[in-house]
Amino acid sequence: MKPATKAKKPNNNNVSQSPNGEVFPLPSPADYAKEFKRLKARVAKERKQGREIVVVMGVGFVGAVMAGVIADSTLGTDFKSVPKSTTGKPGKFVIGMRRPSTRSFWKIPYLNRTTPGVRS
């Protein structure tokens, strides 16, 4: 991902601007290929560790919280009743997805640097 720059207004449709004015370039076809390769390797590693793969579409107000709740779940929990036993080990690997729109793609780089894209 290319670094963000400061700007008052995006001057084209190939960038996404955050509410505080940071501008992020939208991904190119080469970026998609690179990210797909990276994710394939990471997913294979997580599956070998016995984790389920969960994809959350949309990382706004609801999706970001949902991704966090799922990622915080552990192995050994029976969600139909009281937890039977908890190993404390993560049971899920969560991938947050967002459509690369000019309006909201900036949330992805924010989350990648652990900055929430929304506040309540």
PDB file of N, CA and C in Angstrom:
ATOM      1  N   MET A   1       0.850  -1.163   0.000  1.00  0.00           N
ATOM      2  CA  MET A   1       0.000   0.000   0.000  1.00  0.00           C
ATOM      3  C   MET A   1       0.899   1.230   0.000  1.00  0.00           C
ATOM      4  N   LYS A   2       0.585   2.180  -0.842  1.00  0.00           N
ATOM      5  CA  LYS A   2       1.359   3.406  -0.931  1.00  0.00           C
ATOM      6  C   LYS A   2       1.051   4.301   0.269  1.00  0.00           C
ATOM      7  N   PRO A   3       2.018   5.117   0.712  1.00  0.00           N
ATOM      8  CA  PRO A   3       1.778   5.981   1.876  1.00  0.00           C
ATOM      9  C   PRO A   3       0.730   7.054   1.580  1.00  0.00           C
ATOM     10  N   ALA A   4       0.078   7.480   2.635  1.00  0.00           N
ATOM     11  CA  ALA A   4      -0.945   8.522   2.518  1.00  0.00           C
ATOM     12  C   ALA A   4      -0.278   9.884   2.370  1.00  0.00           C
ATOM     13  N   THR A   5      -0.997  10.810   1.782  1.00  0.00           N
ATOM     14  CA  THR A   5      -0.520  12.179   1.668  1.00  0.00           C
ATOM     15  C   THR A   5      -1.614  13.109   2.167  1.00  0.00           C
ATOM     16  N   LYS A   6      -1.249  14.306   2.538  1.00  0.00           N
ATOM     17  CA  LYS A   6      -2.225  15.312   2.970  1.00  0.00           C
ATOM     18  C   LYS A   6      -2.672  16.115   1.751  1.00  0.00           C
ATOM     19  N   ALA A   7      -3.956  16.392   1.688  1.00  0.00           N
ATOM     20  CA  ALA A   7      -4.510  17.206   0.613  1.00  0.00           C
ATOM     21  C   ALA A   7      -5.850  17.752   1.068  1.00  0.00           C
ATOM     22  N   LYS A   8      -6.231  18.882   0.504  1.00  0.00           N
ATOM     23  CA  LYS A   8      -7.525  19.463   0.857  1.00  0.00           C
ATOM     24  C   LYS A   8      -8.656  18.700   0.180  1.00  0.00           C
ATOM     25  N   LYS A   9      -8.506  18.374  -1.101  1.00  0.00           N
ATOM     26  CA  LYS A   9      -9.531  17.659  -1.850  1.00  0.00           C
ATOM     27  C   LYS A   9      -8.859  16.713  -2.827  1.00  0.00           C
ATOM     28  N   PRO A  10      -9.374  15.493  -2.952  1.00  0.00           N
ATOM     29  CA  PRO A  10      -8.836  14.618  -3.978  1.00  0.00           C
ATOM     30  C   PRO A  10      -9.133  15.219  -5.353  1.00  0.00           C
ATOM     31  N   ASN A  11      -8.159  15.146  -6.255  1.00  0.00           N
ATOM     32  CA  ASN A  11      -8.364  15.741  -7.569  1.00  0.00           C
ATOM     33  C   ASN A  11      -8.673  14.705  -8.641  1.00  0.00           C
ATOM     34  N   ASN A  12      -8.881  13.444  -8.240  1.00  0.00           N
ATOM     35  CA  ASN A  12      -9.275  12.430  -9.217  1.00  0.00           C
ATOM     36  C   ASN A  12     -10.051  11.320  -8.517  1.00  0.00           C
ATOM     37  N   ASN A  13     -10.486  10.362  -9.290  1.00  0.00           N
ATOM     38  CA  ASN A  13     -11.278   9.264  -8.740  1.00  0.00           C
ATOM     39  C   ASN A  13     -10.430   8.070  -8.354  1.00  0.00           C
ATOM     40  N   ASN A  14      -9.120   8.235  -8.269  1.00  0.00           N
ATOM     41  CA  ASN A  14      -8.241   7.128  -7.922  1.00  0.00           C
ATOM     42  C   ASN A  14      -7.727   7.215  -6.494  1.00  0.00           C
ATOM     43  N   VAL A  15      -8.378   8.041  -5.686  1.00  0.00           N
ATOM     44  CA  VAL A  15      -7.965   8.190  -4.294  1.00  0.00           C
ATOM     45  C   VAL A  15      -9.194   8.217  -3.387  1.00  0.00           C
ATOM     46  N   SER A  16      -8.947   7.945  -2.125  1.00  0.00           N
ATOM     47  CA  SER A  16      -9.988   8.015  -1.100  1.00  0.00           C
ATOM     48  C   SER A  16      -9.494   8.952  -0.012  1.00  0.00           C
ATOM     49  N   GLN A  17     -10.324   9.894   0.382  1.00  0.00           N
ATOM     50  CA  GLN A  17      -9.937  10.888   1.378  1.00  0.00           C
ATOM     51  C   GLN A  17     -10.654  10.631   2.691  1.00  0.00           C
ATOM     52  N   SER A  18      -9.862  10.571   3.772  1.00  0.00           N
ATOM     53  CA  SER A  18     -10.432  10.367   5.104  1.00  0.00           C
ATOM     54  C   SER A  18     -11.045  11.675   5.601  1.00  0.00           C
ATOM     55  N   PRO A  19     -11.863  11.617   6.647  1.00  0.00           N
ATOM     56  CA  PRO A  19     -12.468  12.830   7.194  1.00  0.00           C
ATOM     57  C   PRO A  19     -11.445  13.875   7.658  1.00  0.00           C
ATOM     58  N   ASN A  20     -10.250  13.432   8.069  1.00  0.00           N
ATOM     59  CA  ASN A  20      -9.252  14.409   8.513  1.00  0.00           C
ATOM     60  C   ASN A  20      -8.368  14.907   7.373  1.00  0.00           C
ATOM     61  N   GLY A  21      -8.660  14.491   6.133  1.00  0.00           N
ATOM     62  CA  GLY A  21      -7.958  15.032   4.975  1.00  0.00           C
ATOM     63  C   GLY A  21      -6.858  14.160   4.388  1.00  0.00           C
ATOM     64  N   GLU A  22      -6.544  13.035   5.011  1.00  0.00           N
ATOM     65  CA  GLU A  22      -5.525  12.153   4.440  1.00  0.00           C
ATOM     66  C   GLU A  22      -6.052  11.534   3.154  1.00  0.00           C
ATOM     67  N   VAL A  23      -5.184  11.428   2.173  1.00  0.00           N
ATOM     68  CA  VAL A  23      -5.571  10.882   0.878  1.00  0.00           C
ATOM     69  C   VAL A  23      -4.821   9.575   0.652  1.00  0.00           C
ATOM     70  N   PHE A  24      -5.565   8.539   0.276  1.00  0.00           N
ATOM     71  CA  PHE A  24      -5.003   7.213   0.029  1.00  0.00           C
ATOM     72  C   PHE A  24      -5.307   6.791  -1.394  1.00  0.00           C
ATOM     73  N   PRO A  25      -4.301   6.319  -2.128  1.00  0.00           N
ATOM     74  CA  PRO A  25      -4.573   5.841  -3.491  1.00  0.00           C
ATOM     75  C   PRO A  25      -5.395   4.559  -3.465  1.00  0.00           C
ATOM     76  N   LEU A  26      -6.328   4.430  -4.383  1.00  0.00           N
ATOM     77  CA  LEU A  26      -7.093   3.189  -4.512  1.00  0.00           C
ATOM     78  C   LEU A  26      -6.174   2.114  -5.093  1.00  0.00           C
ATOM     79  N   PRO A  27      -6.430   0.849  -4.768  1.00  0.00           N
ATOM     80  CA  PRO A  27      -5.566  -0.221  -5.261  1.00  0.00           C
ATOM     81  C   PRO A  27      -5.593  -0.350  -6.784  1.00  0.00           C
ATOM     82  N   SER A  28      -4.451  -0.730  -7.327  1.00  0.00           N
ATOM     83  CA  SER A  28      -4.326  -0.987  -8.766  1.00  0.00           C
ATOM     84  C   SER A  28      -4.460  -2.491  -9.006  1.00  0.00           C
ATOM     85  N   PRO A  29      -4.591  -2.910 -10.248  1.00  0.00           N
ATOM     86  CA  PRO A  29      -4.619  -4.356 -10.522  1.00  0.00           C
ATOM     87  C   PRO A  29      -3.388  -5.086  -9.973  1.00  0.00           C
ATOM     88  N   ALA A  30      -2.244  -4.464 -10.032  1.00  0.00           N
ATOM     89  CA  ALA A  30      -1.029  -5.085  -9.480  1.00  0.00           C
ATOM     90  C   ALA A  30      -1.133  -5.231  -7.964  1.00  0.00           C
ATOM     91  N   ASP A  31      -1.756  -4.259  -7.299  1.00  0.00           N
ATOM     92  CA  ASP A  31      -1.957  -4.338  -5.846  1.00  0.00           C
ATOM     93  C   ASP A  31      -2.858  -5.519  -5.499  1.00  0.00           C
ATOM     94  N   TYR A  32      -3.910  -5.744  -6.297  1.00  0.00           N
ATOM     95  CA  TYR A  32      -4.817  -6.860  -6.042  1.00  0.00           C
ATOM     96  C   TYR A  32      -4.086  -8.192  -6.144  1.00  0.00           C
ATOM     97  N   ALA A  33      -3.274  -8.344  -7.177  1.00  0.00           N
ATOM     98  CA  ALA A  33      -2.534  -9.595  -7.373  1.00  0.00           C
ATOM     99  C   ALA A  33      -1.572  -9.845  -6.210  1.00  0.00           C
ATOM    100  N   LYS A  34      -0.889  -8.813  -5.781  1.00  0.00           N
ATOM    101  CA  LYS A  34       0.054  -8.937  -4.663  1.00  0.00           C
ATOM    102  C   LYS A  34      -0.675  -9.295  -3.364  1.00  0.00           C
ATOM    103  N   GLU A  35      -1.791  -8.636  -3.108  1.00  0.00           N
ATOM    104  CA  GLU A  35      -2.551  -8.898  -1.887  1.00  0.00           C
ATOM    105  C   GLU A  35      -3.165 -10.294  -1.896  1.00  0.00           C
ATOM    106  N   PHE A  36      -3.650 -10.751  -3.055  1.00  0.00           N
ATOM    107  CA  PHE A  36      -4.226 -12.084  -3.155  1.00  0.00           C
ATOM    108  C   PHE A  36      -3.164 -13.138  -2.838  1.00  0.00           C
ATOM    109  N   LYS A  37      -1.979 -12.965  -3.366  1.00  0.00           N
ATOM    110  CA  LYS A  37      -0.877 -13.898  -3.104  1.00  0.00           C
ATOM    111  C   LYS A  37      -0.528 -13.919  -1.614  1.00  0.00           C
ATOM    112  N   ARG A  38      -0.462 -12.738  -1.002  1.00  0.00           N
ATOM    113  CA  ARG A  38      -0.152 -12.632   0.424  1.00  0.00           C
ATOM    114  C   ARG A  38      -1.232 -13.315   1.259  1.00  0.00           C
ATOM    115  N   LEU A  39      -2.498 -13.059   0.932  1.00  0.00           N
ATOM    116  CA  LEU A  39      -3.599 -13.651   1.695  1.00  0.00           C
ATOM    117  C   LEU A  39      -3.661 -15.170   1.539  1.00  0.00           C
ATOM    118  N   LYS A  40      -3.394 -15.668   0.342  1.00  0.00           N
ATOM    119  CA  LYS A  40      -3.399 -17.120   0.131  1.00  0.00           C
ATOM    120  C   LYS A  40      -2.401 -17.805   1.058  1.00  0.00           C
ATOM    121  N   ALA A  41      -1.214 -17.242   1.151  1.00  0.00           N
ATOM    122  CA  ALA A  41      -0.178 -17.809   2.019  1.00  0.00           C
ATOM    123  C   ALA A  41      -0.593 -17.715   3.485  1.00  0.00           C
ATOM    124  N   ARG A  42      -1.138 -16.589   3.886  1.00  0.00           N
ATOM    125  CA  ARG A  42      -1.536 -16.397   5.281  1.00  0.00           C
ATOM    126  C   ARG A  42      -2.690 -17.316   5.666  1.00  0.00           C
ATOM    127  N   VAL A  43      -3.670 -17.461   4.776  1.00  0.00           N
ATOM    128  CA  VAL A  43      -4.806 -18.334   5.038  1.00  0.00           C
ATOM    129  C   VAL A  43      -4.339 -19.786   5.169  1.00  0.00           C
ATOM    130  N   ALA A  44      -3.430 -20.210   4.320  1.00  0.00           N
ATOM    131  CA  ALA A  44      -2.894 -21.581   4.405  1.00  0.00           C
ATOM    132  C   ALA A  44      -2.226 -21.801   5.764  1.00  0.00           C
ATOM    133  N   LYS A  45      -1.467 -20.822   6.211  1.00  0.00           N
ATOM    134  CA  LYS A  45      -0.797 -20.915   7.519  1.00  0.00           C
ATOM    135  C   LYS A  45      -1.824 -21.006   8.651  1.00  0.00           C
ATOM    136  N   GLU A  46      -2.856 -20.192   8.599  1.00  0.00           N
ATOM    137  CA  GLU A  46      -3.876 -20.185   9.648  1.00  0.00           C
ATOM    138  C   GLU A  46      -4.664 -21.501   9.662  1.00  0.00           C
ATOM    139  N   ARG A  47      -4.961 -22.035   8.484  1.00  0.00           N
ATOM    140  CA  ARG A  47      -5.677 -23.321   8.414  1.00  0.00           C
ATOM    141  C   ARG A  47      -4.845 -24.450   9.015  1.00  0.00           C
ATOM    142  N   LYS A  48      -3.538 -24.410   8.778  1.00  0.00           N
ATOM    143  CA  LYS A  48      -2.659 -25.438   9.350  1.00  0.00           C
ATOM    144  C   LYS A  48      -2.683 -25.393  10.871  1.00  0.00           C
ATOM    145  N   GLN A  49      -2.971 -24.220  11.425  1.00  0.00           N
ATOM    146  CA  GLN A  49      -3.058 -24.072  12.880  1.00  0.00           C
ATOM    147  C   GLN A  49      -4.464 -24.400  13.385  1.00  0.00           C
ATOM    148  N   GLY A  50      -5.336 -24.848  12.491  1.00  0.00           N
ATOM    149  CA  GLY A  50      -6.673 -25.271  12.888  1.00  0.00           C
ATOM    150  C   GLY A  50      -7.694 -24.157  13.008  1.00  0.00           C
ATOM    151  N   ARG A  51      -7.384 -22.993  12.497  1.00  0.00           N
ATOM    152  CA  ARG A  51      -8.317 -21.865  12.606  1.00  0.00           C
ATOM    153  C   ARG A  51      -9.295 -21.844  11.440  1.00  0.00           C
ATOM    154  N   GLU A  52     -10.522 -21.433  11.733  1.00  0.00           N
ATOM    155  CA  GLU A  52     -11.511 -21.188  10.691  1.00  0.00           C
ATOM    156  C   GLU A  52     -11.214 -19.828  10.078  1.00  0.00           C
ATOM    157  N   ILE A  53     -11.495 -19.693   8.786  1.00  0.00           N
ATOM    158  CA  ILE A  53     -11.291 -18.427   8.093  1.00  0.00           C
ATOM    159  C   ILE A  53     -12.650 -17.743   7.989  1.00  0.00           C
ATOM    160  N   VAL A  54     -12.722 -16.500   8.440  1.00  0.00           N
ATOM    161  CA  VAL A  54     -13.957 -15.722   8.405  1.00  0.00           C
ATOM    162  C   VAL A  54     -13.675 -14.437   7.648  1.00  0.00           C
ATOM    163  N   VAL A  55     -14.543 -14.119   6.693  1.00  0.00           N
ATOM    164  CA  VAL A  55     -14.424 -12.865   5.952  1.00  0.00           C
ATOM    165  C   VAL A  55     -15.585 -11.971   6.349  1.00  0.00           C
ATOM    166  N   VAL A  56     -15.270 -10.757   6.790  1.00  0.00           N
ATOM    167  CA  VAL A  56     -16.292  -9.769   7.132  1.00  0.00           C
ATOM    168  C   VAL A  56     -16.304  -8.734   6.013  1.00  0.00           C
ATOM    169  N   MET A  57     -17.449  -8.624   5.358  1.00  0.00           N
ATOM    170  CA  MET A  57     -17.586  -7.662   4.260  1.00  0.00           C
ATOM    171  C   MET A  57     -18.050  -6.324   4.832  1.00  0.00           C
ATOM    172  N   GLY A  58     -17.218  -5.327   4.666  1.00  0.00           N
ATOM    173  CA  GLY A  58     -17.516  -4.004   5.191  1.00  0.00           C
ATOM    174  C   GLY A  58     -16.919  -3.833   6.568  1.00  0.00           C
ATOM    175  N   VAL A  59     -16.069  -2.847   6.739  1.00  0.00           N
ATOM    176  CA  VAL A  59     -15.426  -2.616   8.039  1.00  0.00           C
ATOM    177  C   VAL A  59     -15.760  -1.219   8.553  1.00  0.00           C
ATOM    178  N   GLY A  60     -17.033  -0.915   8.503  1.00  0.00           N
ATOM    179  CA  GLY A  60     -17.526   0.341   9.051  1.00  0.00           C
ATOM    180  C   GLY A  60     -17.912   0.159  10.511  1.00  0.00           C
ATOM    181  N   PHE A  61     -18.933   0.865  10.932  1.00  0.00           N
ATOM    182  CA  PHE A  61     -19.364   0.874  12.330  1.00  0.00           C
ATOM    183  C   PHE A  61     -19.709  -0.521  12.844  1.00  0.00           C
ATOM    184  N   VAL A  62     -20.417  -1.310  12.055  1.00  0.00           N
ATOM    185  CA  VAL A  62     -20.823  -2.655  12.472  1.00  0.00           C
ATOM    186  C   VAL A  62     -19.757  -3.690  12.136  1.00  0.00           C
ATOM    187  N   GLY A  63     -19.251  -3.670  10.907  1.00  0.00           N
ATOM    188  CA  GLY A  63     -18.302  -4.681  10.460  1.00  0.00           C
ATOM    189  C   GLY A  63     -17.010  -4.705  11.246  1.00  0.00           C
ATOM    190  N   ALA A  64     -16.467  -3.549  11.590  1.00  0.00           N
ATOM    191  CA  ALA A  64     -15.214  -3.501  12.345  1.00  0.00           C
ATOM    192  C   ALA A  64     -15.381  -4.128  13.727  1.00  0.00           C
ATOM    193  N   VAL A  65     -16.509  -3.848  14.374  1.00  0.00           N
ATOM    194  CA  VAL A  65     -16.780  -4.434  15.684  1.00  0.00           C
ATOM    195  C   VAL A  65     -16.989  -5.941  15.556  1.00  0.00           C
ATOM    196  N   MET A  66     -17.754  -6.363  14.555  1.00  0.00           N
ATOM    197  CA  MET A  66     -17.987  -7.786  14.338  1.00  0.00           C
ATOM    198  C   MET A  66     -16.666  -8.521  14.100  1.00  0.00           C
ATOM    199  N   ALA A  67     -15.795  -7.958  13.283  1.00  0.00           N
ATOM    200  CA  ALA A  67     -14.496  -8.580  13.016  1.00  0.00           C
ATOM    201  C   ALA A  67     -13.701  -8.728  14.314  1.00  0.00           C
ATOM    202  N   GLY A  68     -13.737  -7.707  15.156  1.00  0.00           N
ATOM    203  CA  GLY A  68     -13.028  -7.767  16.433  1.00  0.00           C
ATOM    204  C   GLY A  68     -13.587  -8.822  17.369  1.00  0.00           C
ATOM    205  N   VAL A  69     -14.896  -8.922  17.440  1.00  0.00           N
ATOM    206  CA  VAL A  69     -15.538  -9.914  18.309  1.00  0.00           C
ATOM    207  C   VAL A  69     -15.189 -11.325  17.840  1.00  0.00           C
ATOM    208  N   ILE A  70     -15.273 -11.564  16.540  1.00  0.00           N
ATOM    209  CA  ILE A  70     -14.956 -12.892  16.006  1.00  0.00           C
ATOM    210  C   ILE A  70     -13.479 -13.209  16.225  1.00  0.00           C
ATOM    211  N   ALA A  71     -12.603 -12.260  15.950  1.00  0.00           N
ATOM    212  CA  ALA A  71     -11.167 -12.495  16.110  1.00  0.00           C
ATOM    213  C   ALA A  71     -10.799 -12.772  17.563  1.00  0.00           C
ATOM    214  N   ASP A  72     -11.585 -12.252  18.500  1.00  0.00           N
ATOM    215  CA  ASP A  72     -11.301 -12.443  19.924  1.00  0.00           C
ATOM    216  C   ASP A  72     -11.842 -13.762  20.466  1.00  0.00           C
ATOM    217  N   SER A  73     -12.623 -14.482  19.650  1.00  0.00           N
ATOM    218  CA  SER A  73     -13.179 -15.756  20.120  1.00  0.00           C
ATOM    219  C   SER A  73     -12.062 -16.788  20.245  1.00  0.00           C
ATOM    220  N   THR A  74     -12.284 -17.771  21.121  1.00  0.00           N
ATOM    221  CA  THR A  74     -11.260 -18.782  21.356  1.00  0.00           C
ATOM    222  C   THR A  74     -11.797 -20.182  21.077  1.00  0.00           C
ATOM    223  N   LEU A  75     -10.888 -21.129  20.923  1.00  0.00           N
ATOM    224  CA  LEU A  75     -11.261 -22.528  20.723  1.00  0.00           C
ATOM    225  C   LEU A  75     -11.852 -23.094  21.997  1.00  0.00           C
ATOM    226  N   GLY A  76     -12.731 -24.072  21.839  1.00  0.00           N
ATOM    227  CA  GLY A  76     -13.264 -24.773  23.001  1.00  0.00           C
ATOM    228  C   GLY A  76     -14.516 -24.166  23.578  1.00  0.00           C
ATOM    229  N   THR A  77     -15.150 -23.238  22.882  1.00  0.00           N
ATOM    230  CA  THR A  77     -16.364 -22.620  23.401  1.00  0.00           C
ATOM    231  C   THR A  77     -17.576 -23.190  22.688  1.00  0.00           C
ATOM    232  N   ASP A  78     -18.578 -23.579  23.432  1.00  0.00           N
ATOM    233  CA  ASP A  78     -19.850 -24.037  22.871  1.00  0.00           C
ATOM    234  C   ASP A  78     -20.799 -22.853  22.972  1.00  0.00           C
ATOM    235  N   PHE A  79     -21.091 -22.213  21.855  1.00  0.00           N
ATOM    236  CA  PHE A  79     -21.890 -21.002  21.883  1.00  0.00           C
ATOM    237  C   PHE A  79     -23.380 -21.253  22.088  1.00  0.00           C
ATOM    238  N   LYS A  80     -23.805 -22.519  22.142  1.00  0.00           N
ATOM    239  CA  LYS A  80     -25.217 -22.824  22.371  1.00  0.00           C
ATOM    240  C   LYS A  80     -25.560 -22.750  23.855  1.00  0.00           C
ATOM    241  N   SER A  81     -24.572 -22.804  24.689  1.00  0.00           N
ATOM    242  CA  SER A  81     -24.814 -22.762  26.126  1.00  0.00           C
ATOM    243  C   SER A  81     -23.614 -22.098  26.796  1.00  0.00           C
ATOM    244  N   VAL A  82     -23.418 -22.399  28.026  1.00  0.00           N
ATOM    245  CA  VAL A  82     -22.278 -21.858  28.765  1.00  0.00           C
ATOM    246  C   VAL A  82     -21.010 -22.495  28.199  1.00  0.00           C
ATOM    247  N   PRO A  83     -19.894 -21.753  28.125  1.00  0.00           N
ATOM    248  CA  PRO A  83     -18.660 -22.352  27.604  1.00  0.00           C
ATOM    249  C   PRO A  83     -18.303 -23.645  28.346  1.00  0.00           C
ATOM    250  N   LYS A  84     -18.036 -24.706  27.575  1.00  0.00           N
ATOM    251  CA  LYS A  84     -17.655 -25.994  28.168  1.00  0.00           C
ATOM    252  C   LYS A  84     -16.213 -25.934  28.660  1.00  0.00           C
ATOM    253  N   SER A  85     -15.325 -25.534  27.782  1.00  0.00           N
ATOM    254  CA  SER A  85     -13.915 -25.379  28.145  1.00  0.00           C
ATOM    255  C   SER A  85     -13.312 -24.383  27.185  1.00  0.00           C
ATOM    256  N   THR A  86     -12.412 -23.622  27.651  1.00  0.00           N
ATOM    257  CA  THR A  86     -11.779 -22.623  26.816  1.00  0.00           C
ATOM    258  C   THR A  86     -10.281 -22.832  26.846  1.00  0.00           C
ATOM    259  N   THR A  87      -9.706 -22.996  25.672  1.00  0.00           N
ATOM    260  CA  THR A  87      -8.262 -23.192  25.574  1.00  0.00           C
ATOM    261  C   THR A  87      -7.519 -21.872  25.629  1.00  0.00           C
ATOM    262  N   GLY A  88      -8.205 -20.792  25.283  1.00  0.00           N
ATOM    263  CA  GLY A  88      -7.546 -19.494  25.227  1.00  0.00           C
ATOM    264  C   GLY A  88      -6.861 -19.233  23.901  1.00  0.00           C
ATOM    265  N   LYS A  89      -6.855 -20.225  23.010  1.00  0.00           N
ATOM    266  CA  LYS A  89      -6.216 -20.065  21.697  1.00  0.00           C
ATOM    267  C   LYS A  89      -7.233 -19.525  20.697  1.00  0.00           C
ATOM    268  N   PRO A  90      -6.787 -18.619  19.815  1.00  0.00           N
ATOM    269  CA  PRO A  90      -7.710 -18.083  18.811  1.00  0.00           C
ATOM    270  C   PRO A  90      -8.260 -19.190  17.923  1.00  0.00           C
ATOM    271  N   GLY A  91      -9.554 -19.141  17.654  1.00  0.00           N
ATOM    272  CA  GLY A  91     -10.178 -20.157  16.821  1.00  0.00           C
ATOM    273  C   GLY A  91     -10.498 -19.684  15.423  1.00  0.00           C
ATOM    274  N   LYS A  92     -10.373 -18.399  15.188  1.00  0.00           N
ATOM    275  CA  LYS A  92     -10.748 -17.828  13.896  1.00  0.00           C
ATOM    276  C   LYS A  92      -9.654 -16.886  13.390  1.00  0.00           C
ATOM    277  N   PHE A  93      -9.537 -16.834  12.082  1.00  0.00           N
ATOM    278  CA  PHE A  93      -8.692 -15.840  11.418  1.00  0.00           C
ATOM    279  C   PHE A  93      -9.646 -14.976  10.612  1.00  0.00           C
ATOM    280  N   VAL A  94      -9.657 -13.689  10.875  1.00  0.00           N
ATOM    281  CA  VAL A  94     -10.637 -12.789  10.270  1.00  0.00           C
ATOM    282  C   VAL A  94      -9.977 -11.898   9.222  1.00  0.00           C
ATOM    283  N   ILE A  95     -10.627 -11.849   8.070  1.00  0.00           N
ATOM    284  CA  ILE A  95     -10.194 -10.965   6.980  1.00  0.00           C
ATOM    285  C   ILE A  95     -11.287  -9.921   6.806  1.00  0.00           C
ATOM    286  N   GLY A  96     -10.939  -8.660   6.940  1.00  0.00           N
ATOM    287  CA  GLY A  96     -11.896  -7.573   6.723  1.00  0.00           C
ATOM    288  C   GLY A  96     -11.790  -7.094   5.285  1.00  0.00           C
ATOM    289  N   MET A  97     -12.927  -7.046   4.608  1.00  0.00           N
ATOM    290  CA  MET A  97     -12.956  -6.626   3.198  1.00  0.00           C
ATOM    291  C   MET A  97     -13.750  -5.326   3.067  1.00  0.00           C
ATOM    292  N   ARG A  98     -13.344  -4.524   2.118  1.00  0.00           N
ATOM    293  CA  ARG A  98     -14.072  -3.292   1.832  1.00  0.00           C
ATOM    294  C   ARG A  98     -13.972  -3.010   0.344  1.00  0.00           C
ATOM    295  N   ARG A  99     -15.056  -2.603  -0.229  1.00  0.00           N
ATOM    296  CA  ARG A  99     -15.070  -2.199  -1.637  1.00  0.00           C
ATOM    297  C   ARG A  99     -14.162  -0.977  -1.789  1.00  0.00           C
ATOM    298  N   PRO A 100     -13.309  -0.939  -2.808  1.00  0.00           N
ATOM    299  CA  PRO A 100     -12.382   0.191  -2.941  1.00  0.00           C
ATOM    300  C   PRO A 100     -13.043   1.432  -3.538  1.00  0.00           C
ATOM    301  N   SER A 101     -13.933   2.042  -2.776  1.00  0.00           N
ATOM    302  CA  SER A 101     -14.610   3.248  -3.270  1.00  0.00           C
ATOM    303  C   SER A 101     -13.858   4.498  -2.813  1.00  0.00           C
ATOM    304  N   THR A 102     -14.028   5.556  -3.570  1.00  0.00           N
ATOM    305  CA  THR A 102     -13.388   6.820  -3.200  1.00  0.00           C
ATOM    306  C   THR A 102     -13.932   7.328  -1.875  1.00  0.00           C
ATOM    307  N   ARG A 103     -15.175   6.983  -1.575  1.00  0.00           N
ATOM    308  CA  ARG A 103     -15.822   7.488  -0.364  1.00  0.00           C
ATOM    309  C   ARG A 103     -15.314   6.842   0.920  1.00  0.00           C
ATOM    310  N   SER A 104     -14.970   5.542   0.877  1.00  0.00           N
ATOM    311  CA  SER A 104     -14.674   4.891   2.155  1.00  0.00           C
ATOM    312  C   SER A 104     -13.474   3.937   2.175  1.00  0.00           C
ATOM    313  N   PHE A 105     -12.705   3.856   1.105  1.00  0.00           N
ATOM    314  CA  PHE A 105     -11.564   2.947   1.104  1.00  0.00           C
ATOM    315  C   PHE A 105     -10.532   3.325   2.174  1.00  0.00           C
ATOM    316  N   TRP A 106     -10.458   4.589   2.546  1.00  0.00           N
ATOM    317  CA  TRP A 106      -9.488   5.065   3.534  1.00  0.00           C
ATOM    318  C   TRP A 106      -9.566   4.285   4.846  1.00  0.00           C
ATOM    319  N   LYS A 107     -10.704   3.625   5.114  1.00  0.00           N
ATOM    320  CA  LYS A 107     -10.848   2.870   6.361  1.00  0.00           C
ATOM    321  C   LYS A 107      -9.876   1.693   6.432  1.00  0.00           C
ATOM    322  N   ILE A 108      -9.527   1.116   5.294  1.00  0.00           N
ATOM    323  CA  ILE A 108      -8.605  -0.025   5.281  1.00  0.00           C
ATOM    324  C   ILE A 108      -7.213   0.380   5.778  1.00  0.00           C
ATOM    325  N   PRO A 109      -6.582   1.416   5.224  1.00  0.00           N
ATOM    326  CA  PRO A 109      -5.279   1.807   5.768  1.00  0.00           C
ATOM    327  C   PRO A 109      -5.363   2.238   7.244  1.00  0.00           C
ATOM    328  N   TYR A 110      -6.472   2.850   7.628  1.00  0.00           N
ATOM    329  CA  TYR A 110      -6.648   3.215   9.034  1.00  0.00           C
ATOM    330  C   TYR A 110      -6.615   1.969   9.918  1.00  0.00           C
ATOM    331  N   LEU A 111      -7.407   0.955   9.544  1.00  0.00           N
ATOM    332  CA  LEU A 111      -7.430  -0.274  10.348  1.00  0.00           C
ATOM    333  C   LEU A 111      -6.071  -0.977  10.337  1.00  0.00           C
ATOM    334  N   ASN A 112      -5.380  -0.938   9.200  1.00  0.00           N
ATOM    335  CA  ASN A 112      -4.059  -1.579   9.128  1.00  0.00           C
ATOM    336  C   ASN A 112      -3.061  -0.940  10.085  1.00  0.00           C
ATOM    337  N   ARG A 113      -3.270   0.307  10.430  1.00  0.00           N
ATOM    338  CA  ARG A 113      -2.383   0.951  11.419  1.00  0.00           C
ATOM    339  C   ARG A 113      -3.066   1.063  12.782  1.00  0.00           C
ATOM    340  N   THR A 114      -4.114   0.277  12.980  1.00  0.00           N
ATOM    341  CA  THR A 114      -4.889   0.157  14.227  1.00  0.00           C
ATOM    342  C   THR A 114      -5.560   1.459  14.654  1.00  0.00           C
ATOM    343  N   THR A 115      -5.972   2.254  13.677  1.00  0.00           N
ATOM    344  CA  THR A 115      -6.739   3.464  13.950  1.00  0.00           C
ATOM    345  C   THR A 115      -8.177   3.181  13.549  1.00  0.00           C
ATOM    346  N   PRO A 116      -9.141   3.338  14.456  1.00  0.00           N
ATOM    347  CA  PRO A 116     -10.528   3.062  14.066  1.00  0.00           C
ATOM    348  C   PRO A 116     -11.007   4.045  13.010  1.00  0.00           C
ATOM    349  N   GLY A 117     -11.755   3.519  12.040  1.00  0.00           N
ATOM    350  CA  GLY A 117     -12.287   4.369  10.971  1.00  0.00           C
ATOM    351  C   GLY A 117     -13.569   5.069  11.360  1.00  0.00           C
ATOM    352  N   VAL A 118     -14.188   4.620  12.435  1.00  0.00           N
ATOM    353  CA  VAL A 118     -15.425   5.227  12.908  1.00  0.00           C
ATOM    354  C   VAL A 118     -15.339   5.412  14.417  1.00  0.00           C
ATOM    355  N   ARG A 119     -16.034   6.385  14.901  1.00  0.00           N
ATOM    356  CA  ARG A 119     -16.100   6.623  16.342  1.00  0.00           C
ATOM    357  C   ARG A 119     -17.561   6.754  16.747  1.00  0.00           C
ATOM    358  N   SER A 120     -17.862   6.308  17.966  1.00  0.00           N
ATOM    359  CA  SER A 120     -19.244   6.450  18.428  1.00  0.00           C
ATOM    360  C   SER A 120     -19.361   7.605  19.388  1.00  0.00           C
TER     361      SER A 120
END
